């Protein structure tokens, strides 16, 4: 079987990560790189594929089977609309758009045309997340009551020196990092309907926040609390616990989520499970049955590109739809609004 030909637009860090995965894929192949920067020519030459300065030029010369957009955020919507108009399946890196209004335009176009649009929330393809979701849906925890989560890590000074915009409003961990967590929480606990947040910039003193305490209400009635900080010297983040991205050191004994239900709790990603053996005899005076849920660790980017190939070939529907991507952005913007105003924010 011939491989599914995927062009990658954007040859920055995330684009190059996708290119490496494509070059190793058993079912997909990198067909071209699209990027006007001089450095992109080197990336394309090393991969052995042509480089084009625009999607227009790509389509005029060598139409691929699908396009992966790893371009700057403001280009996501116009380039995705261009691919939809050309009848090409598209994988759009997160976030779907820079604003909810822009994202709505993309959702409407995708649903109107029946387009194949996959949003690149790659943790949705994590085997760890799939197993955790399976445990929740199996009922072993009983009715879900609460989730405690954290994304606490320390970004070095040069991170901000290399990109001074990260010190300004819009560059803080709410909009840069929390959108990853929002999709994980929606997968595990369902839709988020209300958010509340308190932000602080006391540690670094930048105009943008460095630490945020977040409360969440889910449609099921479950509640969540989440601690977010890019200045906390702590390993309790997905990157530092999941072991999926080898660029980060990881710690086997740390978790970033604890899900608790009426019959037990699950810690993720250690997958430590504590449940009552006899639900009719539950009590804090009774011991839990303690076990570890078996799972595998693997690169979710690899699984995502295989899934996108299946979407392109018409073998699967997108696991993360444009509407999913829009809802993740809506929740993230709601958290930013709650932190800014001090109000409880109800989400449509």
C-alpha atoms as a PDB file:
ATOM      1  CA  UNK A   1       0.000   0.000   0.000  1.00  0.00           C
ATOM      2  CA  UNK A   2       1.361   3.438  -0.895  1.00  0.00           C
ATOM      3  CA  UNK A   3       1.847   5.802   2.017  1.00  0.00           C
ATOM      4  CA  UNK A   4      -0.483   8.725   2.716  1.00  0.00           C
ATOM      5  CA  UNK A   5       1.316  11.907   1.637  1.00  0.00           C
ATOM      6  CA  UNK A   6       1.273  14.702   4.238  1.00  0.00           C
ATOM      7  CA  UNK A   7       2.706  18.194   3.751  1.00  0.00           C
ATOM      8  CA  UNK A   8       3.859  20.080   6.851  1.00  0.00           C
ATOM      9  CA  UNK A   9       3.391  23.844   6.910  1.00  0.00           C
ATOM     10  CA  UNK A  10       5.677  25.468   9.449  1.00  0.00           C
ATOM     11  CA  UNK A  11       9.258  24.333  10.021  1.00  0.00           C
ATOM     12  CA  UNK A  12       9.696  25.591  13.576  1.00  0.00           C
ATOM     13  CA  UNK A  13      10.225  23.414  16.635  1.00  0.00           C
ATOM     14  CA  UNK A  14       6.803  21.728  16.619  1.00  0.00           C
ATOM     15  CA  UNK A  15       6.839  21.429  12.829  1.00  0.00           C
ATOM     16  CA  UNK A  16      10.189  19.670  12.972  1.00  0.00           C
ATOM     17  CA  UNK A  17       8.820  17.311  15.643  1.00  0.00           C
ATOM     18  CA  UNK A  18       5.978  16.372  13.289  1.00  0.00           C
ATOM     19  CA  UNK A  19       8.446  15.949  10.427  1.00  0.00           C
ATOM     20  CA  UNK A  20      10.532  13.496  12.470  1.00  0.00           C
ATOM     21  CA  UNK A  21       7.427  11.476  13.287  1.00  0.00           C
ATOM     22  CA  UNK A  22       6.328  11.442   9.643  1.00  0.00           C
ATOM     23  CA  UNK A  23       9.741  10.262   8.462  1.00  0.00           C
ATOM     24  CA  UNK A  24       9.443   7.276  10.804  1.00  0.00           C
ATOM     25  CA  UNK A  25       5.776   6.500  10.080  1.00  0.00           C
ATOM     26  CA  UNK A  26       4.883   3.113   8.574  1.00  0.00           C
ATOM     27  CA  UNK A  27       1.746   4.458   6.860  1.00  0.00           C
ATOM     28  CA  UNK A  28       2.356   8.169   6.206  1.00  0.00           C
ATOM     29  CA  UNK A  29       5.063  10.031   4.309  1.00  0.00           C
ATOM     30  CA  UNK A  30       6.274  13.616   4.362  1.00  0.00           C
ATOM     31  CA  UNK A  31       5.572  15.053   0.906  1.00  0.00           C
ATOM     32  CA  UNK A  32       6.739  18.652   1.312  1.00  0.00           C
ATOM     33  CA  UNK A  33       7.579  21.471   3.707  1.00  0.00           C
ATOM     34  CA  UNK A  34       5.790  24.812   3.433  1.00  0.00           C
ATOM     35  CA  UNK A  35       7.552  27.770   5.040  1.00  0.00           C
ATOM     36  CA  UNK A  36       8.933  31.055   3.618  1.00  0.00           C
ATOM     37  CA  UNK A  37      11.881  31.211   6.042  1.00  0.00           C
ATOM     38  CA  UNK A  38      15.396  30.489   4.711  1.00  0.00           C
ATOM     39  CA  UNK A  39      15.917  27.890   7.428  1.00  0.00           C
ATOM     40  CA  UNK A  40      13.020  25.818   6.063  1.00  0.00           C
ATOM     41  CA  UNK A  41      15.008  24.984   2.934  1.00  0.00           C
ATOM     42  CA  UNK A  42      17.600  23.259   5.096  1.00  0.00           C
ATOM     43  CA  UNK A  43      14.925  21.324   6.998  1.00  0.00           C
ATOM     44  CA  UNK A  44      13.326  20.184   3.718  1.00  0.00           C
ATOM     45  CA  UNK A  45      16.671  19.217   2.168  1.00  0.00           C
ATOM     46  CA  UNK A  46      17.578  17.123   5.200  1.00  0.00           C
ATOM     47  CA  UNK A  47      14.203  15.367   4.899  1.00  0.00           C
ATOM     48  CA  UNK A  48      14.627  14.895   1.148  1.00  0.00           C
ATOM     49  CA  UNK A  49      11.443  16.723   0.143  1.00  0.00           C
ATOM     50  CA  UNK A  50      10.679  19.968  -1.744  1.00  0.00           C
ATOM     51  CA  UNK A  51      10.004  23.244   0.045  1.00  0.00           C
ATOM     52  CA  UNK A  52       7.341  25.789  -0.909  1.00  0.00           C
ATOM     53  CA  UNK A  53       6.931  29.313   0.396  1.00  0.00           C
ATOM     54  CA  UNK A  54       3.108  29.165   0.553  1.00  0.00           C
ATOM     55  CA  UNK A  55       0.219  26.733   0.507  1.00  0.00           C
ATOM     56  CA  UNK A  56      -0.872  28.245  -2.829  1.00  0.00           C
ATOM     57  CA  UNK A  57       2.442  27.242  -4.381  1.00  0.00           C
ATOM     58  CA  UNK A  58       2.242  23.791  -2.823  1.00  0.00           C
ATOM     59  CA  UNK A  59      -1.220  23.154  -4.279  1.00  0.00           C
ATOM     60  CA  UNK A  60      -0.183  24.455  -7.692  1.00  0.00           C
ATOM     61  CA  UNK A  61       2.816  22.094  -7.899  1.00  0.00           C
ATOM     62  CA  UNK A  62       2.265  18.969  -5.806  1.00  0.00           C
ATOM     63  CA  UNK A  63      -1.107  18.411  -4.144  1.00  0.00           C
ATOM     64  CA  UNK A  64      -0.684  16.220  -1.033  1.00  0.00           C
ATOM     65  CA  UNK A  65      -3.283  13.932   0.526  1.00  0.00           C
ATOM     66  CA  UNK A  66      -3.434  16.097   3.651  1.00  0.00           C
ATOM     67  CA  UNK A  67      -1.825  19.122   5.283  1.00  0.00           C
ATOM     68  CA  UNK A  68      -0.480  19.545   8.812  1.00  0.00           C
ATOM     69  CA  UNK A  69      -0.462  23.165  10.001  1.00  0.00           C
ATOM     70  CA  UNK A  70       2.306  23.907  12.517  1.00  0.00           C
ATOM     71  CA  UNK A  71       2.414  27.593  11.659  1.00  0.00           C
ATOM     72  CA  UNK A  72       2.106  30.615  14.016  1.00  0.00           C
ATOM     73  CA  UNK A  73      -1.263  30.784  15.790  1.00  0.00           C
ATOM     74  CA  UNK A  74      -2.673  33.748  13.794  1.00  0.00           C
ATOM     75  CA  UNK A  75      -2.280  31.698  10.576  1.00  0.00           C
ATOM     76  CA  UNK A  76      -4.205  28.643  11.780  1.00  0.00           C
ATOM     77  CA  UNK A  77      -7.684  29.767  10.733  1.00  0.00           C
ATOM     78  CA  UNK A  78      -6.913  31.355   7.327  1.00  0.00           C
ATOM     79  CA  UNK A  79      -4.694  28.441   6.301  1.00  0.00           C
ATOM     80  CA  UNK A  80      -7.181  25.835   7.536  1.00  0.00           C
ATOM     81  CA  UNK A  81      -9.959  27.571   5.588  1.00  0.00           C
ATOM     82  CA  UNK A  82      -7.707  27.486   2.520  1.00  0.00           C
ATOM     83  CA  UNK A  83      -7.222  23.730   2.910  1.00  0.00           C
ATOM     84  CA  UNK A  84     -10.956  23.181   3.446  1.00  0.00           C
ATOM     85  CA  UNK A  85     -11.725  25.163   0.280  1.00  0.00           C
ATOM     86  CA  UNK A  86      -9.251  22.958  -1.603  1.00  0.00           C
ATOM     87  CA  UNK A  87     -10.932  19.808  -0.281  1.00  0.00           C
ATOM     88  CA  UNK A  88      -7.897  18.739   1.741  1.00  0.00           C
ATOM     89  CA  UNK A  89      -8.028  17.108   5.183  1.00  0.00           C
ATOM     90  CA  UNK A  90      -6.088  19.230   7.671  1.00  0.00           C
ATOM     91  CA  UNK A  91      -4.461  18.777  11.069  1.00  0.00           C
ATOM     92  CA  UNK A  92      -4.349  22.150  12.853  1.00  0.00           C
ATOM     93  CA  UNK A  93      -1.903  22.562  15.724  1.00  0.00           C
ATOM     94  CA  UNK A  94      -3.410  23.860  18.947  1.00  0.00           C
ATOM     95  CA  UNK A  95      -4.791  26.331  19.690  1.00  0.00           C
ATOM     96  CA  UNK A  96      -7.415  26.187  16.956  1.00  0.00           C
ATOM     97  CA  UNK A  97      -7.366  29.996  16.750  1.00  0.00           C
ATOM     98  CA  UNK A  98      -6.232  33.114  18.582  1.00  0.00           C
ATOM     99  CA  UNK A  99      -9.809  34.009  19.601  1.00  0.00           C
ATOM    100  CA  UNK A 100     -13.085  32.167  20.083  1.00  0.00           C
ATOM    101  CA  UNK A 101     -14.688  34.260  17.318  1.00  0.00           C
ATOM    102  CA  UNK A 102     -12.044  33.156  14.800  1.00  0.00           C
ATOM    103  CA  UNK A 103     -12.392  29.561  15.941  1.00  0.00           C
ATOM    104  CA  UNK A 104     -16.153  29.693  15.426  1.00  0.00           C
ATOM    105  CA  UNK A 105     -15.620  30.692  11.787  1.00  0.00           C
ATOM    106  CA  UNK A 106     -13.452  27.612  11.259  1.00  0.00           C
ATOM    107  CA  UNK A 107     -15.927  25.297  13.011  1.00  0.00           C
ATOM    108  CA  UNK A 108     -18.774  26.622  10.874  1.00  0.00           C
ATOM    109  CA  UNK A 109     -16.812  26.120   7.648  1.00  0.00           C
ATOM    110  CA  UNK A 110     -15.714  22.614   8.634  1.00  0.00           C
ATOM    111  CA  UNK A 111     -19.215  21.505   9.596  1.00  0.00           C
ATOM    112  CA  UNK A 112     -20.845  23.178   6.588  1.00  0.00           C
ATOM    113  CA  UNK A 113     -18.503  21.453   4.134  1.00  0.00           C
ATOM    114  CA  UNK A 114     -18.182  18.172   6.029  1.00  0.00           C
ATOM    115  CA  UNK A 115     -14.420  18.738   6.081  1.00  0.00           C
ATOM    116  CA  UNK A 116     -11.948  16.470   7.839  1.00  0.00           C
ATOM    117  CA  UNK A 117     -10.340  18.726  10.457  1.00  0.00           C
ATOM    118  CA  UNK A 118      -8.250  17.296  13.309  1.00  0.00           C
ATOM    119  CA  UNK A 119      -7.015  19.645  16.035  1.00  0.00           C
ATOM    120  CA  UNK A 120      -3.550  18.858  17.374  1.00  0.00           C
ATOM    121  CA  UNK A 121      -4.255  18.287  21.059  1.00  0.00           C
ATOM    122  CA  UNK A 122      -1.747  15.456  20.974  1.00  0.00           C
ATOM    123  CA  UNK A 123      -2.347  14.254  24.541  1.00  0.00           C
ATOM    124  CA  UNK A 124      -5.708  12.959  23.315  1.00  0.00           C
ATOM    125  CA  UNK A 125      -3.635  10.244  21.605  1.00  0.00           C
ATOM    126  CA  UNK A 126      -1.691   9.336  24.753  1.00  0.00           C
ATOM    127  CA  UNK A 127      -2.068   5.661  25.789  1.00  0.00           C
ATOM    128  CA  UNK A 128      -1.945   6.859  29.406  1.00  0.00           C
ATOM    129  CA  UNK A 129      -4.932   9.143  28.874  1.00  0.00           C
ATOM    130  CA  UNK A 130      -6.816   6.398  27.051  1.00  0.00           C
ATOM    131  CA  UNK A 131      -6.321   4.012  29.974  1.00  0.00           C
ATOM    132  CA  UNK A 132      -7.291   6.633  32.582  1.00  0.00           C
ATOM    133  CA  UNK A 133     -10.445   7.449  30.657  1.00  0.00           C
ATOM    134  CA  UNK A 134     -11.238   3.736  30.446  1.00  0.00           C
ATOM    135  CA  UNK A 135     -10.974   3.410  34.235  1.00  0.00           C
ATOM    136  CA  UNK A 136     -13.316   6.369  34.806  1.00  0.00           C
ATOM    137  CA  UNK A 137     -15.862   5.113  32.276  1.00  0.00           C
ATOM    138  CA  UNK A 138     -15.749   1.570  33.706  1.00  0.00           C
ATOM    139  CA  UNK A 139     -17.351   2.772  36.932  1.00  0.00           C
ATOM    140  CA  UNK A 140     -14.572   1.476  39.179  1.00  0.00           C
ATOM    141  CA  UNK A 141     -14.345   4.890  40.851  1.00  0.00           C
ATOM    142  CA  UNK A 142     -18.104   5.133  41.271  1.00  0.00           C
ATOM    143  CA  UNK A 143     -19.668   8.477  40.456  1.00  0.00           C
ATOM    144  CA  UNK A 144     -16.954  11.064  39.809  1.00  0.00           C
ATOM    145  CA  UNK A 145     -16.835  13.649  42.611  1.00  0.00           C
ATOM    146  CA  UNK A 146     -13.645  15.648  42.178  1.00  0.00           C
ATOM    147  CA  UNK A 147     -10.377  16.107  40.339  1.00  0.00           C
ATOM    148  CA  UNK A 148      -7.241  17.733  41.710  1.00  0.00           C
ATOM    149  CA  UNK A 149      -4.727  18.742  39.080  1.00  0.00           C
ATOM    150  CA  UNK A 150      -1.479  20.620  38.683  1.00  0.00           C
ATOM    151  CA  UNK A 151       0.849  21.962  36.035  1.00  0.00           C
ATOM    152  CA  UNK A 152       3.656  23.376  38.153  1.00  0.00           C
ATOM    153  CA  UNK A 153       7.108  23.816  36.622  1.00  0.00           C
ATOM    154  CA  UNK A 154       9.902  26.382  36.363  1.00  0.00           C
ATOM    155  CA  UNK A 155      10.611  28.181  33.103  1.00  0.00           C
ATOM    156  CA  UNK A 156      14.177  29.574  33.069  1.00  0.00           C
ATOM    157  CA  UNK A 157      14.953  33.250  32.552  1.00  0.00           C
ATOM    158  CA  UNK A 158      16.208  32.734  29.000  1.00  0.00           C
ATOM    159  CA  UNK A 159      12.737  31.479  28.002  1.00  0.00           C
ATOM    160  CA  UNK A 160      11.506  35.027  28.528  1.00  0.00           C
ATOM    161  CA  UNK A 161      14.656  36.675  27.152  1.00  0.00           C
ATOM    162  CA  UNK A 162      14.320  34.649  23.933  1.00  0.00           C
ATOM    163  CA  UNK A 163      10.677  35.716  23.575  1.00  0.00           C
ATOM    164  CA  UNK A 164      10.027  39.013  25.382  1.00  0.00           C
ATOM    165  CA  UNK A 165       6.345  38.828  24.360  1.00  0.00           C
ATOM    166  CA  UNK A 166       5.990  36.019  26.908  1.00  0.00           C
ATOM    167  CA  UNK A 167       6.310  38.620  29.672  1.00  0.00           C
ATOM    168  CA  UNK A 168       3.264  40.489  28.405  1.00  0.00           C
ATOM    169  CA  UNK A 169      -0.483  39.888  28.614  1.00  0.00           C
ATOM    170  CA  UNK A 170      -1.340  36.836  26.522  1.00  0.00           C
ATOM    171  CA  UNK A 171       2.035  35.233  27.119  1.00  0.00           C
ATOM    172  CA  UNK A 172       1.405  33.715  30.535  1.00  0.00           C
ATOM    173  CA  UNK A 173       0.718  30.103  31.478  1.00  0.00           C
ATOM    174  CA  UNK A 174      -3.086  30.427  31.197  1.00  0.00           C
ATOM    175  CA  UNK A 175      -3.035  30.917  27.434  1.00  0.00           C
ATOM    176  CA  UNK A 176       0.251  29.123  26.714  1.00  0.00           C
ATOM    177  CA  UNK A 177      -0.072  26.023  28.905  1.00  0.00           C
ATOM    178  CA  UNK A 178      -3.551  25.623  30.386  1.00  0.00           C
ATOM    179  CA  UNK A 179      -5.206  24.747  27.068  1.00  0.00           C
ATOM    180  CA  UNK A 180      -3.360  21.381  27.182  1.00  0.00           C
ATOM    181  CA  UNK A 181      -4.785  20.669  30.627  1.00  0.00           C
ATOM    182  CA  UNK A 182      -8.300  21.741  29.652  1.00  0.00           C
ATOM    183  CA  UNK A 183      -8.544  19.048  26.993  1.00  0.00           C
ATOM    184  CA  UNK A 184      -7.208  16.386  29.355  1.00  0.00           C
ATOM    185  CA  UNK A 185      -9.742  17.377  32.018  1.00  0.00           C
ATOM    186  CA  UNK A 186     -12.612  17.387  29.500  1.00  0.00           C
ATOM    187  CA  UNK A 187     -11.614  13.898  28.327  1.00  0.00           C
ATOM    188  CA  UNK A 188     -11.514  12.545  31.874  1.00  0.00           C
ATOM    189  CA  UNK A 189     -14.321  14.458  33.602  1.00  0.00           C
ATOM    190  CA  UNK A 190     -16.666  15.791  30.902  1.00  0.00           C
ATOM    191  CA  UNK A 191     -17.620  19.308  29.940  1.00  0.00           C
ATOM    192  CA  UNK A 192     -16.482  22.260  32.047  1.00  0.00           C
ATOM    193  CA  UNK A 193     -19.394  24.640  32.627  1.00  0.00           C
ATOM    194  CA  UNK A 194     -18.103  27.141  35.219  1.00  0.00           C
ATOM    195  CA  UNK A 195     -14.644  28.488  36.079  1.00  0.00           C
ATOM    196  CA  UNK A 196     -13.182  30.652  38.802  1.00  0.00           C
ATOM    197  CA  UNK A 197      -9.560  31.796  39.120  1.00  0.00           C
ATOM    198  CA  UNK A 198      -7.133  33.883  41.153  1.00  0.00           C
ATOM    199  CA  UNK A 199      -3.896  34.910  39.421  1.00  0.00           C
ATOM    200  CA  UNK A 200      -0.639  36.290  40.805  1.00  0.00           C
ATOM    201  CA  UNK A 201       2.447  37.846  39.249  1.00  0.00           C
ATOM    202  CA  UNK A 202       4.184  38.331  42.589  1.00  0.00           C
ATOM    203  CA  UNK A 203       7.165  36.066  41.895  1.00  0.00           C
ATOM    204  CA  UNK A 204       8.436  37.492  38.619  1.00  0.00           C
ATOM    205  CA  UNK A 205       6.640  40.821  38.660  1.00  0.00           C
ATOM    206  CA  UNK A 206       5.774  40.650  34.953  1.00  0.00           C
ATOM    207  CA  UNK A 207       2.583  42.260  33.587  1.00  0.00           C
ATOM    208  CA  UNK A 208       1.349  38.715  32.915  1.00  0.00           C
ATOM    209  CA  UNK A 209       0.514  36.095  35.551  1.00  0.00           C
ATOM    210  CA  UNK A 210       3.011  33.467  36.675  1.00  0.00           C
ATOM    211  CA  UNK A 211       0.763  31.491  39.064  1.00  0.00           C
ATOM    212  CA  UNK A 212      -2.971  30.732  38.992  1.00  0.00           C
ATOM    213  CA  UNK A 213      -5.341  28.870  41.314  1.00  0.00           C
ATOM    214  CA  UNK A 214      -8.337  27.595  39.316  1.00  0.00           C
ATOM    215  CA  UNK A 215     -11.682  26.115  40.330  1.00  0.00           C
ATOM    216  CA  UNK A 216     -13.847  24.168  37.877  1.00  0.00           C
ATOM    217  CA  UNK A 217     -17.406  22.885  37.801  1.00  0.00           C
ATOM    218  CA  UNK A 218     -18.216  20.056  35.378  1.00  0.00           C
ATOM    219  CA  UNK A 219     -21.601  19.375  33.782  1.00  0.00           C
ATOM    220  CA  UNK A 220     -21.893  16.193  35.867  1.00  0.00           C
ATOM    221  CA  UNK A 221     -21.694  18.217  39.083  1.00  0.00           C
ATOM    222  CA  UNK A 222     -18.133  17.134  39.812  1.00  0.00           C
ATOM    223  CA  UNK A 223     -15.751  19.861  40.985  1.00  0.00           C
ATOM    224  CA  UNK A 224     -12.091  20.439  40.246  1.00  0.00           C
ATOM    225  CA  UNK A 225      -9.187  22.422  41.601  1.00  0.00           C
ATOM    226  CA  UNK A 226      -6.087  23.129  39.547  1.00  0.00           C
ATOM    227  CA  UNK A 227      -2.768  24.796  40.388  1.00  0.00           C
ATOM    228  CA  UNK A 228      -0.896  26.323  37.457  1.00  0.00           C
ATOM    229  CA  UNK A 229       2.518  27.968  37.697  1.00  0.00           C
ATOM    230  CA  UNK A 230       5.538  28.494  35.468  1.00  0.00           C
ATOM    231  CA  UNK A 231       7.682  29.696  38.380  1.00  0.00           C
ATOM    232  CA  UNK A 232       7.153  26.821  40.844  1.00  0.00           C
ATOM    233  CA  UNK A 233      10.146  24.491  41.127  1.00  0.00           C
ATOM    234  CA  UNK A 234       7.999  21.364  41.133  1.00  0.00           C
ATOM    235  CA  UNK A 235       7.779  18.279  38.883  1.00  0.00           C
ATOM    236  CA  UNK A 236       3.995  17.931  39.104  1.00  0.00           C
ATOM    237  CA  UNK A 237       3.238  18.566  35.455  1.00  0.00           C
ATOM    238  CA  UNK A 238       2.272  16.263  32.594  1.00  0.00           C
ATOM    239  CA  UNK A 239       5.634  16.685  30.868  1.00  0.00           C
ATOM    240  CA  UNK A 240       7.575  15.791  34.006  1.00  0.00           C
ATOM    241  CA  UNK A 241       5.442  12.808  34.997  1.00  0.00           C
ATOM    242  CA  UNK A 242       4.163  11.133  31.809  1.00  0.00           C
ATOM    243  CA  UNK A 243       7.631  10.325  30.375  1.00  0.00           C
ATOM    244  CA  UNK A 244       6.195  10.864  26.886  1.00  0.00           C
ATOM    245  CA  UNK A 245       8.507  13.716  25.876  1.00  0.00           C
ATOM    246  CA  UNK A 246      12.111  12.688  26.471  1.00  0.00           C
ATOM    247  CA  UNK A 247      13.232  16.335  26.468  1.00  0.00           C
ATOM    248  CA  UNK A 248      11.952  16.574  30.050  1.00  0.00           C
ATOM    249  CA  UNK A 249      13.334  14.721  33.080  1.00  0.00           C
ATOM    250  CA  UNK A 250      10.608  12.690  34.726  1.00  0.00           C
ATOM    251  CA  UNK A 251       9.790  11.252  38.117  1.00  0.00           C
ATOM    252  CA  UNK A 252       8.117   7.876  38.584  1.00  0.00           C
ATOM    253  CA  UNK A 253       6.561   8.747  41.951  1.00  0.00           C
ATOM    254  CA  UNK A 254       4.801  11.992  40.944  1.00  0.00           C
ATOM    255  CA  UNK A 255       1.271  12.556  39.653  1.00  0.00           C
ATOM    256  CA  UNK A 256      -0.385  15.574  38.100  1.00  0.00           C
ATOM    257  CA  UNK A 257      -4.051  14.473  38.418  1.00  0.00           C
ATOM    258  CA  UNK A 258      -6.009  12.697  41.144  1.00  0.00           C
ATOM    259  CA  UNK A 259      -9.557  11.662  40.196  1.00  0.00           C
ATOM    260  CA  UNK A 260     -11.860  10.748  43.067  1.00  0.00           C
ATOM    261  CA  UNK A 261     -15.262   9.117  42.903  1.00  0.00           C
ATOM    262  CA  UNK A 262     -17.721   7.659  45.368  1.00  0.00           C
ATOM    263  CA  UNK A 263     -15.933   4.291  45.375  1.00  0.00           C
ATOM    264  CA  UNK A 264     -12.275   5.076  44.806  1.00  0.00           C
ATOM    265  CA  UNK A 265      -9.556   7.244  43.310  1.00  0.00           C
ATOM    266  CA  UNK A 266      -7.079   7.106  40.452  1.00  0.00           C
ATOM    267  CA  UNK A 267      -3.762   8.966  40.353  1.00  0.00           C
ATOM    268  CA  UNK A 268      -2.451   9.856  36.887  1.00  0.00           C
ATOM    269  CA  UNK A 269       0.011   9.048  35.367  1.00  0.00           C
ATOM    270  CA  UNK A 270       1.319   6.560  37.975  1.00  0.00           C
ATOM    271  CA  UNK A 271      -2.098   4.879  37.585  1.00  0.00           C
ATOM    272  CA  UNK A 272      -2.282   4.033  41.292  1.00  0.00           C
ATOM    273  CA  UNK A 273      -5.831   2.868  41.980  1.00  0.00           C
ATOM    274  CA  UNK A 274      -7.489   2.750  45.396  1.00  0.00           C
ATOM    275  CA  UNK A 275     -11.023   1.343  45.586  1.00  0.00           C
ATOM    276  CA  UNK A 276     -13.324  -0.149  48.187  1.00  0.00           C
ATOM    277  CA  UNK A 277     -13.669  -3.908  47.614  1.00  0.00           C
ATOM    278  CA  UNK A 278     -17.283  -3.842  48.841  1.00  0.00           C
ATOM    279  CA  UNK A 279     -19.129  -0.693  47.682  1.00  0.00           C
ATOM    280  CA  UNK A 280     -21.939  -1.393  50.127  1.00  0.00           C
ATOM    281  CA  UNK A 281     -19.437  -1.145  53.008  1.00  0.00           C
ATOM    282  CA  UNK A 282     -17.601   2.078  52.115  1.00  0.00           C
ATOM    283  CA  UNK A 283     -16.151   4.134  54.943  1.00  0.00           C
ATOM    284  CA  UNK A 284     -13.068   6.143  55.771  1.00  0.00           C
ATOM    285  CA  UNK A 285     -12.540   3.600  58.549  1.00  0.00           C
ATOM    286  CA  UNK A 286     -12.284   0.778  55.981  1.00  0.00           C
ATOM    287  CA  UNK A 287      -9.097  -0.015  54.016  1.00  0.00           C
ATOM    288  CA  UNK A 288      -8.853   0.464  50.266  1.00  0.00           C
ATOM    289  CA  UNK A 289      -7.891  -2.255  47.873  1.00  0.00           C
ATOM    290  CA  UNK A 290      -4.685  -0.877  46.324  1.00  0.00           C
ATOM    291  CA  UNK A 291      -3.415  -1.698  42.827  1.00  0.00           C
ATOM    292  CA  UNK A 292      -1.744  -0.204  39.783  1.00  0.00           C
ATOM    293  CA  UNK A 293      -3.555  -0.110  36.441  1.00  0.00           C
ATOM    294  CA  UNK A 294      -1.472  -1.599  33.656  1.00  0.00           C
ATOM    295  CA  UNK A 295      -0.690   0.757  30.779  1.00  0.00           C
ATOM    296  CA  UNK A 296       1.995   1.585  28.232  1.00  0.00           C
ATOM    297  CA  UNK A 297       3.956   4.780  27.668  1.00  0.00           C
ATOM    298  CA  UNK A 298       4.433   5.886  24.072  1.00  0.00           C
ATOM    299  CA  UNK A 299       4.858   9.074  22.059  1.00  0.00           C
ATOM    300  CA  UNK A 300       1.392  10.578  21.447  1.00  0.00           C
ATOM    301  CA  UNK A 301       2.680  12.522  18.426  1.00  0.00           C
ATOM    302  CA  UNK A 302       3.355   9.171  16.766  1.00  0.00           C
ATOM    303  CA  UNK A 303      -0.165   7.967  17.476  1.00  0.00           C
ATOM    304  CA  UNK A 304      -1.614  11.301  16.348  1.00  0.00           C
ATOM    305  CA  UNK A 305       0.017  11.152  12.902  1.00  0.00           C
ATOM    306  CA  UNK A 306      -1.176   7.584  12.394  1.00  0.00           C
ATOM    307  CA  UNK A 307      -4.682   8.705  13.345  1.00  0.00           C
ATOM    308  CA  UNK A 308      -4.490  11.676  10.965  1.00  0.00           C
ATOM    309  CA  UNK A 309      -3.464   9.320   8.181  1.00  0.00           C
ATOM    310  CA  UNK A 310      -6.571   7.233   8.912  1.00  0.00           C
ATOM    311  CA  UNK A 311      -8.692  10.415   8.865  1.00  0.00           C
ATOM    312  CA  UNK A 312      -7.209  11.411   5.496  1.00  0.00           C
ATOM    313  CA  UNK A 313      -7.974   7.971   4.071  1.00  0.00           C
ATOM    314  CA  UNK A 314     -11.543   8.097   5.364  1.00  0.00           C
ATOM    315  CA  UNK A 315     -10.961   5.249   7.812  1.00  0.00           C
ATOM    316  CA  UNK A 316     -11.622   7.262  10.993  1.00  0.00           C
ATOM    317  CA  UNK A 317     -13.380  10.393  12.193  1.00  0.00           C
ATOM    318  CA  UNK A 318     -11.197  13.039  13.906  1.00  0.00           C
ATOM    319  CA  UNK A 319     -10.659  12.191  17.567  1.00  0.00           C
ATOM    320  CA  UNK A 320     -10.326  15.918  18.386  1.00  0.00           C
ATOM    321  CA  UNK A 321     -12.759  17.866  16.224  1.00  0.00           C
ATOM    322  CA  UNK A 322     -12.736  21.560  15.384  1.00  0.00           C
ATOM    323  CA  UNK A 323     -15.601  21.972  17.863  1.00  0.00           C
ATOM    324  CA  UNK A 324     -13.463  20.278  20.556  1.00  0.00           C
ATOM    325  CA  UNK A 325     -10.629  22.675  19.818  1.00  0.00           C
ATOM    326  CA  UNK A 326     -13.015  25.623  20.025  1.00  0.00           C
ATOM    327  CA  UNK A 327     -14.374  24.477  23.391  1.00  0.00           C
ATOM    328  CA  UNK A 328     -10.842  24.101  24.779  1.00  0.00           C
ATOM    329  CA  UNK A 329     -10.132  27.686  23.724  1.00  0.00           C
ATOM    330  CA  UNK A 330     -13.438  28.900  25.172  1.00  0.00           C
ATOM    331  CA  UNK A 331     -12.670  27.353  28.576  1.00  0.00           C
ATOM    332  CA  UNK A 332      -9.133  28.762  28.545  1.00  0.00           C
ATOM    333  CA  UNK A 333     -10.406  32.246  27.700  1.00  0.00           C
ATOM    334  CA  UNK A 334     -12.986  31.845  30.472  1.00  0.00           C
ATOM    335  CA  UNK A 335     -10.221  31.133  32.986  1.00  0.00           C
ATOM    336  CA  UNK A 336      -8.327  34.228  31.829  1.00  0.00           C
ATOM    337  CA  UNK A 337     -11.498  36.312  32.176  1.00  0.00           C
ATOM    338  CA  UNK A 338     -12.208  34.917  35.645  1.00  0.00           C
ATOM    339  CA  UNK A 339      -8.670  35.735  36.778  1.00  0.00           C
ATOM    340  CA  UNK A 340      -8.894  39.242  35.352  1.00  0.00           C
ATOM    341  CA  UNK A 341     -12.328  40.129  36.735  1.00  0.00           C
ATOM    342  CA  UNK A 342     -12.531  38.086  39.925  1.00  0.00           C
ATOM    343  CA  UNK A 343     -15.924  36.803  38.800  1.00  0.00           C
ATOM    344  CA  UNK A 344     -17.350  33.321  38.398  1.00  0.00           C
ATOM    345  CA  UNK A 345     -17.536  32.725  34.639  1.00  0.00           C
ATOM    346  CA  UNK A 346     -20.316  30.569  33.229  1.00  0.00           C
ATOM    347  CA  UNK A 347     -19.428  28.926  29.901  1.00  0.00           C
ATOM    348  CA  UNK A 348     -21.961  28.474  27.122  1.00  0.00           C
END
